[in-house]
Structure formats: C-alpha cells, structure tokens
Amino acid sequence: MKESNFKRVEKKLIIKMSDGTSIEGKIMSTTGTYSRSRISDIISTDEKFIAVFDAKINKERTKNTLIINKSHILYIVPCDK
C-alpha cells in the first residue's frame, strides 16, 4: 500500500459572520502535494459548510464544533504565524 504524504494540520482563525457574530476556532487542513493547505483553498471548495473546532462565539466558549454556512461569512482572519 502506498503511503500518503499528506499531514493534517490545524489552522487558527477568526470568522466574522453577516449578522455581526465573531467566531474564533480552528479548521483542519492538509499539507503535501495537491493539498488544501491555505484557508482560501478550503473556503473556495463547492462545499456549502465548514467545520470549526474549539469554537468560541463572541469570545464565549461553545460546544466543541460548529458547522458554519459559508454563504454567511463576511471575512476570515488567519491567526497562525
């Protein structure tokens, strides 16, 4: 079996929603050849939703995961160095 060169990595970000809500959390991406390593790669897919882990809504801790409709996102600020 061929070994994959993809690695899953967390990307920290802040998402501003169309209703003014601010969401802080992490999304999973991959590194390697033909990967989705940039936040813009993940947002540009045809999928209508993204999963945000370790989420906070307006700086208040929520459940572990939020599923967000991408059509309601105004902007995303990456927090990784």
N, C-alpha and C. Protein backbone atom coordinates (compact mmCIF):
# COMPACT_ATOMS: atom_id res chain seq x y z
N MET A 1 0.84 -1.18 0.00
CA MET A 1 0.00 0.00 0.00
C MET A 1 0.89 1.25 0.00
N LYS A 2 0.57 2.19 -0.85
CA LYS A 2 1.34 3.42 -0.97
C LYS A 2 1.05 4.34 0.22
N GLU A 3 2.12 4.88 0.80
CA GLU A 3 1.97 5.76 1.95
C GLU A 3 1.67 7.19 1.48
N SER A 4 0.73 7.82 2.13
CA SER A 4 0.35 9.19 1.77
C SER A 4 1.33 10.18 2.37
N ASN A 5 1.59 11.28 1.65
CA ASN A 5 2.47 12.32 2.18
C ASN A 5 1.66 13.49 2.75
N PHE A 6 0.38 13.30 2.93
CA PHE A 6 -0.47 14.35 3.49
C PHE A 6 -0.40 14.33 5.01
N LYS A 7 -0.39 15.51 5.60
CA LYS A 7 -0.46 15.64 7.05
C LYS A 7 -1.60 16.59 7.37
N ARG A 8 -2.37 16.25 8.40
CA ARG A 8 -3.46 17.12 8.83
C ARG A 8 -2.91 18.15 9.81
N VAL A 9 -3.26 19.40 9.58
CA VAL A 9 -2.81 20.48 10.46
C VAL A 9 -4.00 21.36 10.83
N GLU A 10 -3.92 21.95 12.01
CA GLU A 10 -4.97 22.87 12.45
C GLU A 10 -4.59 24.28 12.05
N LYS A 11 -5.58 25.03 11.62
CA LYS A 11 -5.41 26.44 11.29
C LYS A 11 -6.30 27.25 12.22
N LYS A 12 -5.71 28.15 13.01
CA LYS A 12 -6.49 29.02 13.88
C LYS A 12 -6.98 30.21 13.07
N LEU A 13 -8.23 30.63 13.36
CA LEU A 13 -8.78 31.75 12.61
C LEU A 13 -9.90 32.44 13.38
N ILE A 14 -10.25 33.61 12.90
CA ILE A 14 -11.41 34.36 13.37
C ILE A 14 -12.30 34.57 12.17
N ILE A 15 -13.58 34.25 12.32
CA ILE A 15 -14.56 34.39 11.24
C ILE A 15 -15.58 35.44 11.65
N LYS A 16 -15.79 36.43 10.79
CA LYS A 16 -16.83 37.44 11.02
C LYS A 16 -18.03 37.06 10.16
N MET A 17 -19.18 36.90 10.80
CA MET A 17 -20.39 36.47 10.11
C MET A 17 -21.24 37.68 9.71
N SER A 18 -22.17 37.46 8.78
CA SER A 18 -23.00 38.54 8.24
C SER A 18 -23.92 39.17 9.29
N ASP A 19 -24.22 38.45 10.38
CA ASP A 19 -25.06 39.03 11.43
C ASP A 19 -24.25 39.74 12.51
N GLY A 20 -22.92 39.87 12.31
CA GLY A 20 -22.06 40.55 13.25
C GLY A 20 -21.36 39.63 14.25
N THR A 21 -21.73 38.37 14.26
CA THR A 21 -21.13 37.40 15.16
C THR A 21 -19.67 37.18 14.80
N SER A 22 -18.82 37.06 15.81
CA SER A 22 -17.42 36.74 15.63
C SER A 22 -17.17 35.34 16.17
N ILE A 23 -16.57 34.48 15.36
CA ILE A 23 -16.29 33.11 15.75
C ILE A 23 -14.79 32.87 15.70
N GLU A 24 -14.23 32.43 16.82
CA GLU A 24 -12.82 32.05 16.88
C GLU A 24 -12.76 30.54 16.96
N GLY A 25 -11.82 29.94 16.26
CA GLY A 25 -11.69 28.50 16.33
C GLY A 25 -10.61 27.98 15.40
N LYS A 26 -10.69 26.69 15.09
CA LYS A 26 -9.71 26.03 14.26
C LYS A 26 -10.41 25.24 13.16
N ILE A 27 -9.79 25.20 12.00
CA ILE A 27 -10.23 24.31 10.93
C ILE A 27 -9.09 23.35 10.64
N MET A 28 -9.42 22.21 10.07
CA MET A 28 -8.41 21.23 9.71
C MET A 28 -8.06 21.41 8.24
N SER A 29 -6.77 21.39 7.94
CA SER A 29 -6.32 21.42 6.55
C SER A 29 -5.24 20.35 6.39
N THR A 30 -4.77 20.20 5.19
CA THR A 30 -3.73 19.21 4.92
C THR A 30 -2.52 19.88 4.29
N THR A 31 -1.37 19.26 4.47
CA THR A 31 -0.15 19.72 3.80
C THR A 31 0.34 18.60 2.90
N GLY A 32 1.05 18.94 1.88
CA GLY A 32 1.57 17.94 0.95
C GLY A 32 1.19 18.31 -0.47
N THR A 33 1.58 17.48 -1.41
CA THR A 33 1.29 17.72 -2.82
C THR A 33 -0.21 17.73 -3.06
N TYR A 34 -0.69 18.72 -3.79
CA TYR A 34 -2.12 18.87 -4.13
C TYR A 34 -3.00 18.93 -2.89
N SER A 35 -2.53 19.58 -1.87
CA SER A 35 -3.29 19.65 -0.62
C SER A 35 -4.13 20.92 -0.54
N ARG A 36 -4.96 20.97 0.47
CA ARG A 36 -5.73 22.17 0.80
C ARG A 36 -5.08 22.80 2.02
N SER A 37 -3.93 23.43 1.84
CA SER A 37 -3.19 23.93 2.97
C SER A 37 -3.52 25.38 3.31
N ARG A 38 -4.09 26.12 2.37
CA ARG A 38 -4.43 27.52 2.64
C ARG A 38 -5.90 27.63 3.01
N ILE A 39 -6.22 28.60 3.84
CA ILE A 39 -7.61 28.83 4.21
C ILE A 39 -8.43 29.14 2.97
N SER A 40 -7.86 29.89 2.04
CA SER A 40 -8.60 30.23 0.81
C SER A 40 -8.92 28.98 -0.01
N ASP A 41 -8.06 27.96 0.04
CA ASP A 41 -8.34 26.70 -0.67
C ASP A 41 -9.56 26.00 -0.08
N ILE A 42 -9.67 26.04 1.23
CA ILE A 42 -10.79 25.38 1.91
C ILE A 42 -12.09 26.13 1.66
N ILE A 43 -12.03 27.45 1.71
CA ILE A 43 -13.22 28.28 1.51
C ILE A 43 -13.70 28.22 0.06
N SER A 44 -12.80 28.02 -0.88
CA SER A 44 -13.14 28.05 -2.31
C SER A 44 -13.77 26.76 -2.83
N THR A 45 -13.90 25.75 -2.01
CA THR A 45 -14.50 24.49 -2.48
C THR A 45 -16.00 24.66 -2.71
N ASP A 46 -16.62 23.68 -3.36
CA ASP A 46 -18.06 23.71 -3.61
C ASP A 46 -18.89 23.34 -2.38
N GLU A 47 -18.23 22.87 -1.33
CA GLU A 47 -18.96 22.52 -0.11
C GLU A 47 -19.58 23.77 0.49
N LYS A 48 -20.82 23.66 0.98
CA LYS A 48 -21.54 24.83 1.49
C LYS A 48 -21.22 25.15 2.95
N PHE A 49 -20.63 24.19 3.65
CA PHE A 49 -20.38 24.36 5.08
C PHE A 49 -18.92 24.06 5.41
N ILE A 50 -18.43 24.67 6.50
CA ILE A 50 -17.13 24.31 7.06
C ILE A 50 -17.32 23.99 8.54
N ALA A 51 -16.48 23.11 9.03
CA ALA A 51 -16.50 22.75 10.45
C ALA A 51 -15.43 23.55 11.17
N VAL A 52 -15.80 24.16 12.28
CA VAL A 52 -14.88 24.93 13.11
C VAL A 52 -14.82 24.24 14.48
N PHE A 53 -13.60 23.88 14.89
CA PHE A 53 -13.39 23.16 16.14
C PHE A 53 -12.92 24.10 17.25
N ASP A 54 -13.11 23.70 18.49
CA ASP A 54 -12.71 24.51 19.66
C ASP A 54 -13.24 25.93 19.50
N ALA A 55 -14.51 26.03 19.16
CA ALA A 55 -15.10 27.31 18.77
C ALA A 55 -15.51 28.17 19.97
N LYS A 56 -15.38 29.47 19.77
CA LYS A 56 -15.90 30.49 20.68
C LYS A 56 -16.74 31.44 19.85
N ILE A 57 -17.94 31.74 20.33
CA ILE A 57 -18.80 32.72 19.67
C ILE A 57 -18.76 33.98 20.52
N ASN A 58 -18.33 35.09 19.91
CA ASN A 58 -18.17 36.35 20.63
C ASN A 58 -17.40 36.15 21.93
N LYS A 59 -16.31 35.38 21.84
CA LYS A 59 -15.36 35.09 22.93
C LYS A 59 -15.93 34.22 24.04
N GLU A 60 -17.11 33.65 23.84
CA GLU A 60 -17.71 32.72 24.81
C GLU A 60 -17.53 31.30 24.30
N ARG A 61 -17.05 30.42 25.15
CA ARG A 61 -16.84 29.00 24.77
C ARG A 61 -18.18 28.38 24.38
N THR A 62 -18.18 27.59 23.31
CA THR A 62 -19.37 26.90 22.86
C THR A 62 -19.13 25.40 22.96
N LYS A 63 -19.93 24.66 22.29
CA LYS A 63 -19.68 23.23 22.14
C LYS A 63 -18.37 23.08 21.36
N ASN A 64 -17.88 21.88 21.22
CA ASN A 64 -16.59 21.67 20.57
C ASN A 64 -16.57 22.06 19.10
N THR A 65 -17.66 21.80 18.37
CA THR A 65 -17.64 22.00 16.91
C THR A 65 -18.85 22.80 16.45
N LEU A 66 -18.61 23.74 15.54
CA LEU A 66 -19.68 24.47 14.86
C LEU A 66 -19.61 24.14 13.38
N ILE A 67 -20.76 23.95 12.76
CA ILE A 67 -20.84 23.78 11.31
C ILE A 67 -21.38 25.10 10.77
N ILE A 68 -20.59 25.78 9.95
CA ILE A 68 -20.92 27.14 9.52
C ILE A 68 -21.23 27.16 8.03
N ASN A 69 -22.32 27.84 7.68
CA ASN A 69 -22.70 28.04 6.29
C ASN A 69 -21.78 29.11 5.70
N LYS A 70 -21.00 28.75 4.69
CA LYS A 70 -20.01 29.66 4.12
C LYS A 70 -20.64 30.90 3.48
N SER A 71 -21.89 30.82 3.08
CA SER A 71 -22.52 31.98 2.43
C SER A 71 -22.77 33.12 3.41
N HIS A 72 -22.64 32.88 4.70
CA HIS A 72 -22.85 33.91 5.71
C HIS A 72 -21.55 34.49 6.26
N ILE A 73 -20.42 34.10 5.68
CA ILE A 73 -19.12 34.60 6.13
C ILE A 73 -18.80 35.90 5.42
N LEU A 74 -18.48 36.95 6.20
CA LEU A 74 -18.03 38.23 5.63
C LEU A 74 -16.54 38.19 5.36
N TYR A 75 -15.78 37.78 6.37
CA TYR A 75 -14.33 37.68 6.18
C TYR A 75 -13.73 36.72 7.20
N ILE A 76 -12.49 36.30 6.93
CA ILE A 76 -11.75 35.38 7.79
C ILE A 76 -10.37 35.99 8.04
N VAL A 77 -9.96 35.97 9.30
CA VAL A 77 -8.63 36.43 9.68
C VAL A 77 -7.83 35.24 10.19
N PRO A 78 -6.76 34.85 9.49
CA PRO A 78 -5.92 33.76 9.98
C PRO A 78 -5.16 34.21 11.22
N CYS A 79 -5.00 33.32 12.18
CA CYS A 79 -4.28 33.66 13.42
C CYS A 79 -2.96 32.91 13.54
N ASP A 80 -2.62 32.06 12.57
CA ASP A 80 -1.36 31.33 12.60
C ASP A 80 -0.22 32.27 12.24
N LYS A 81 0.94 31.93 12.76
CA LYS A 81 2.13 32.74 12.47
C LYS A 81 2.71 32.37 11.14
